[in-house]
Amino acid sequence: MADQYRVDLSALEDTIRKLNGILKDLGNANADTRYKTSLSRNALGADAPGATFLEARKLTDAHEKMKQHIEEIVQHLHDVMNEFGTKTRKVHGNYQNQEAETAANMSGS
């Protein structure tokens, strides 16, 4: 009966290790989207005396909106992966505890 159902704890450990790597990369991506994609208000063009450079303002505003959207996406991915990792660690611990309890019961301890 025990041979029919078995959880490979090493596979769960490997999954946790991989998730931690993804979280690290997402942390780097999160920092990059926040701090390495900023533009000054005049980076795409500046107003001239007596004239407004509307296109530059539109581009800058569009950049800011896109930057914010990308930050939100990266944060969401980080949150999802963190939750998945937490749940995977919990499942791993539960299976590990169950295996230890089963082994103790089988040995009569």
C-alpha atoms as a PDB file:
ATOM      1  CA  MET A   1       0.000   0.000   0.000  1.00  0.00           C
ATOM      2  CA  ALA A   2       2.827   2.437   0.862  1.00  0.00           C
ATOM      3  CA  ASP A   3       4.384   1.936  -2.574  1.00  0.00           C
ATOM      4  CA  GLN A   4       1.286   3.297  -4.287  1.00  0.00           C
ATOM      5  CA  TYR A   5       1.521   6.751  -2.776  1.00  0.00           C
ATOM      6  CA  ARG A   6       4.812   8.465  -2.118  1.00  0.00           C
ATOM      7  CA  VAL A   7       5.870  12.095  -2.201  1.00  0.00           C
ATOM      8  CA  ASP A   8       9.318  12.899  -3.522  1.00  0.00           C
ATOM      9  CA  LEU A   9      10.530  15.385  -0.918  1.00  0.00           C
ATOM     10  CA  SER A  10      13.716  16.062  -2.871  1.00  0.00           C
ATOM     11  CA  ALA A  11      11.572  17.272  -5.795  1.00  0.00           C
ATOM     12  CA  LEU A  12       9.758  19.650  -3.458  1.00  0.00           C
ATOM     13  CA  GLU A  13      13.118  20.848  -2.096  1.00  0.00           C
ATOM     14  CA  ASP A  14      14.300  21.436  -5.659  1.00  0.00           C
ATOM     15  CA  THR A  15      11.130  23.401  -6.408  1.00  0.00           C
ATOM     16  CA  ILE A  16      11.693  25.559  -3.323  1.00  0.00           C
ATOM     17  CA  ARG A  17      15.310  26.200  -4.361  1.00  0.00           C
ATOM     18  CA  LYS A  18      14.194  27.230  -7.852  1.00  0.00           C
ATOM     19  CA  LEU A  19      11.464  29.480  -6.464  1.00  0.00           C
ATOM     20  CA  ASN A  20      14.013  31.203  -4.244  1.00  0.00           C
ATOM     21  CA  GLY A  21      16.132  31.878  -7.332  1.00  0.00           C
ATOM     22  CA  ILE A  22      13.135  33.313  -9.165  1.00  0.00           C
ATOM     23  CA  LEU A  23      12.302  35.510  -6.178  1.00  0.00           C
ATOM     24  CA  LYS A  24      15.875  36.809  -6.122  1.00  0.00           C
ATOM     25  CA  ASP A  25      15.674  37.629  -9.830  1.00  0.00           C
ATOM     26  CA  LEU A  26      12.302  39.298  -9.359  1.00  0.00           C
ATOM     27  CA  GLY A  27      13.766  41.357  -6.526  1.00  0.00           C
ATOM     28  CA  ASN A  28      16.453  42.556  -8.910  1.00  0.00           C
ATOM     29  CA  ALA A  29      13.856  43.261 -11.602  1.00  0.00           C
ATOM     30  CA  ASN A  30      11.747  45.150  -9.078  1.00  0.00           C
ATOM     31  CA  ALA A  31      14.685  47.376  -8.143  1.00  0.00           C
ATOM     32  CA  ASP A  32      15.604  47.852 -11.799  1.00  0.00           C
ATOM     33  CA  THR A  33      12.088  48.901 -12.800  1.00  0.00           C
ATOM     34  CA  ARG A  34      11.953  51.399  -9.957  1.00  0.00           C
ATOM     35  CA  TYR A  35      15.399  52.938 -10.139  1.00  0.00           C
ATOM     36  CA  LYS A  36      16.923  52.239 -13.548  1.00  0.00           C
ATOM     37  CA  THR A  37      14.077  53.294 -15.829  1.00  0.00           C
ATOM     38  CA  SER A  38      13.497  56.873 -14.674  1.00  0.00           C
ATOM     39  CA  LEU A  39      13.639  59.824 -16.991  1.00  0.00           C
ATOM     40  CA  SER A  40      13.945  63.461 -16.071  1.00  0.00           C
ATOM     41  CA  ARG A  41      11.058  65.667 -17.211  1.00  0.00           C
ATOM     42  CA  ASN A  42      13.263  67.166 -19.942  1.00  0.00           C
ATOM     43  CA  ALA A  43      14.958  63.959 -21.125  1.00  0.00           C
ATOM     44  CA  LEU A  44      12.756  63.699 -24.222  1.00  0.00           C
ATOM     45  CA  GLY A  45      12.720  67.398 -24.977  1.00  0.00           C
ATOM     46  CA  ALA A  46      12.123  70.659 -23.212  1.00  0.00           C
ATOM     47  CA  ASP A  47       9.849  73.599 -23.674  1.00  0.00           C
ATOM     48  CA  ALA A  48      11.387  76.567 -25.439  1.00  0.00           C
ATOM     49  CA  PRO A  49      10.756  80.145 -24.370  1.00  0.00           C
ATOM     50  CA  GLY A  50       7.203  80.941 -25.426  1.00  0.00           C
ATOM     51  CA  ALA A  51       6.547  77.429 -26.797  1.00  0.00           C
ATOM     52  CA  THR A  52       5.348  74.177 -25.291  1.00  0.00           C
ATOM     53  CA  PHE A  53       6.762  70.898 -26.553  1.00  0.00           C
ATOM     54  CA  LEU A  54       3.545  68.883 -26.238  1.00  0.00           C
ATOM     55  CA  GLU A  55       4.939  65.724 -27.801  1.00  0.00           C
ATOM     56  CA  ALA A  56       7.771  65.542 -25.270  1.00  0.00           C
ATOM     57  CA  ARG A  57       5.297  65.962 -22.426  1.00  0.00           C
ATOM     58  CA  LYS A  58       3.073  63.229 -23.873  1.00  0.00           C
ATOM     59  CA  LEU A  59       6.036  60.875 -24.267  1.00  0.00           C
ATOM     60  CA  THR A  60       7.204  61.566 -20.726  1.00  0.00           C
ATOM     61  CA  ASP A  61       3.700  60.995 -19.335  1.00  0.00           C
ATOM     62  CA  ALA A  62       3.354  57.777 -21.359  1.00  0.00           C
ATOM     63  CA  HIS A  63       6.735  56.629 -20.042  1.00  0.00           C
ATOM     64  CA  GLU A  64       5.669  57.277 -16.452  1.00  0.00           C
ATOM     65  CA  LYS A  65       2.428  55.341 -16.927  1.00  0.00           C
ATOM     66  CA  MET A  66       4.227  52.401 -18.512  1.00  0.00           C
ATOM     67  CA  LYS A  67       6.909  52.449 -15.818  1.00  0.00           C
ATOM     68  CA  GLN A  68       4.218  52.311 -13.122  1.00  0.00           C
ATOM     69  CA  HIS A  69       2.429  49.479 -14.921  1.00  0.00           C
ATOM     70  CA  ILE A  70       5.634  47.439 -15.239  1.00  0.00           C
ATOM     71  CA  GLU A  71       6.397  48.001 -11.545  1.00  0.00           C
ATOM     72  CA  GLU A  72       2.915  46.707 -10.662  1.00  0.00           C
ATOM     73  CA  ILE A  73       3.340  43.628 -12.877  1.00  0.00           C
ATOM     74  CA  VAL A  74       6.747  42.772 -11.416  1.00  0.00           C
ATOM     75  CA  GLN A  75       5.407  43.253  -7.872  1.00  0.00           C
ATOM     76  CA  HIS A  76       2.432  41.001  -8.636  1.00  0.00           C
ATOM     77  CA  LEU A  77       4.734  38.300 -10.005  1.00  0.00           C
ATOM     78  CA  HIS A  78       6.901  38.602  -6.901  1.00  0.00           C
ATOM     79  CA  ASP A  79       3.860  38.265  -4.637  1.00  0.00           C
ATOM     80  CA  VAL A  80       2.533  35.227  -6.524  1.00  0.00           C
ATOM     81  CA  MET A  81       5.903  33.465  -6.510  1.00  0.00           C
ATOM     82  CA  ASN A  82       6.411  34.277  -2.833  1.00  0.00           C
ATOM     83  CA  GLU A  83       2.990  32.846  -1.956  1.00  0.00           C
ATOM     84  CA  PHE A  84       3.658  29.729  -4.050  1.00  0.00           C
ATOM     85  CA  GLY A  85       7.041  29.295  -2.363  1.00  0.00           C
ATOM     86  CA  THR A  86       5.525  29.673   1.098  1.00  0.00           C
ATOM     87  CA  LYS A  87       2.847  27.110   0.340  1.00  0.00           C
ATOM     88  CA  THR A  88       5.388  24.719  -1.180  1.00  0.00           C
ATOM     89  CA  ARG A  89       7.581  24.974   1.931  1.00  0.00           C
ATOM     90  CA  LYS A  90       4.543  24.316   4.113  1.00  0.00           C
ATOM     91  CA  VAL A  91       3.532  21.259   2.065  1.00  0.00           C
ATOM     92  CA  HIS A  92       7.109  19.980   2.198  1.00  0.00           C
ATOM     93  CA  GLY A  93       7.156  20.339   5.977  1.00  0.00           C
ATOM     94  CA  ASN A  94       3.790  18.607   6.335  1.00  0.00           C
ATOM     95  CA  TYR A  95       4.891  15.652   4.201  1.00  0.00           C
ATOM     96  CA  GLN A  96       8.196  15.448   6.033  1.00  0.00           C
ATOM     97  CA  ASN A  97       6.392  15.393   9.388  1.00  0.00           C
ATOM     98  CA  GLN A  98       3.956  12.755   8.125  1.00  0.00           C
ATOM     99  CA  GLU A  99       6.803  10.541   6.905  1.00  0.00           C
ATOM    100  CA  ALA A 100       8.559  10.843  10.265  1.00  0.00           C
ATOM    101  CA  GLU A 101       5.347  10.032  12.125  1.00  0.00           C
ATOM    102  CA  THR A 102       4.655   7.038   9.874  1.00  0.00           C
ATOM    103  CA  ALA A 103       8.194   5.752  10.312  1.00  0.00           C
ATOM    104  CA  ALA A 104       7.906   6.102  14.083  1.00  0.00           C
ATOM    105  CA  ASN A 105       4.571   4.245  14.101  1.00  0.00           C
ATOM    106  CA  MET A 106       5.955   1.463  11.922  1.00  0.00           C
ATOM    107  CA  SER A 107       8.954   0.968  14.215  1.00  0.00           C
ATOM    108  CA  GLY A 108       6.741   0.909  17.288  1.00  0.00           C
ATOM    109  CA  SER A 109       8.189   4.044  18.888  1.00  0.00           C
END
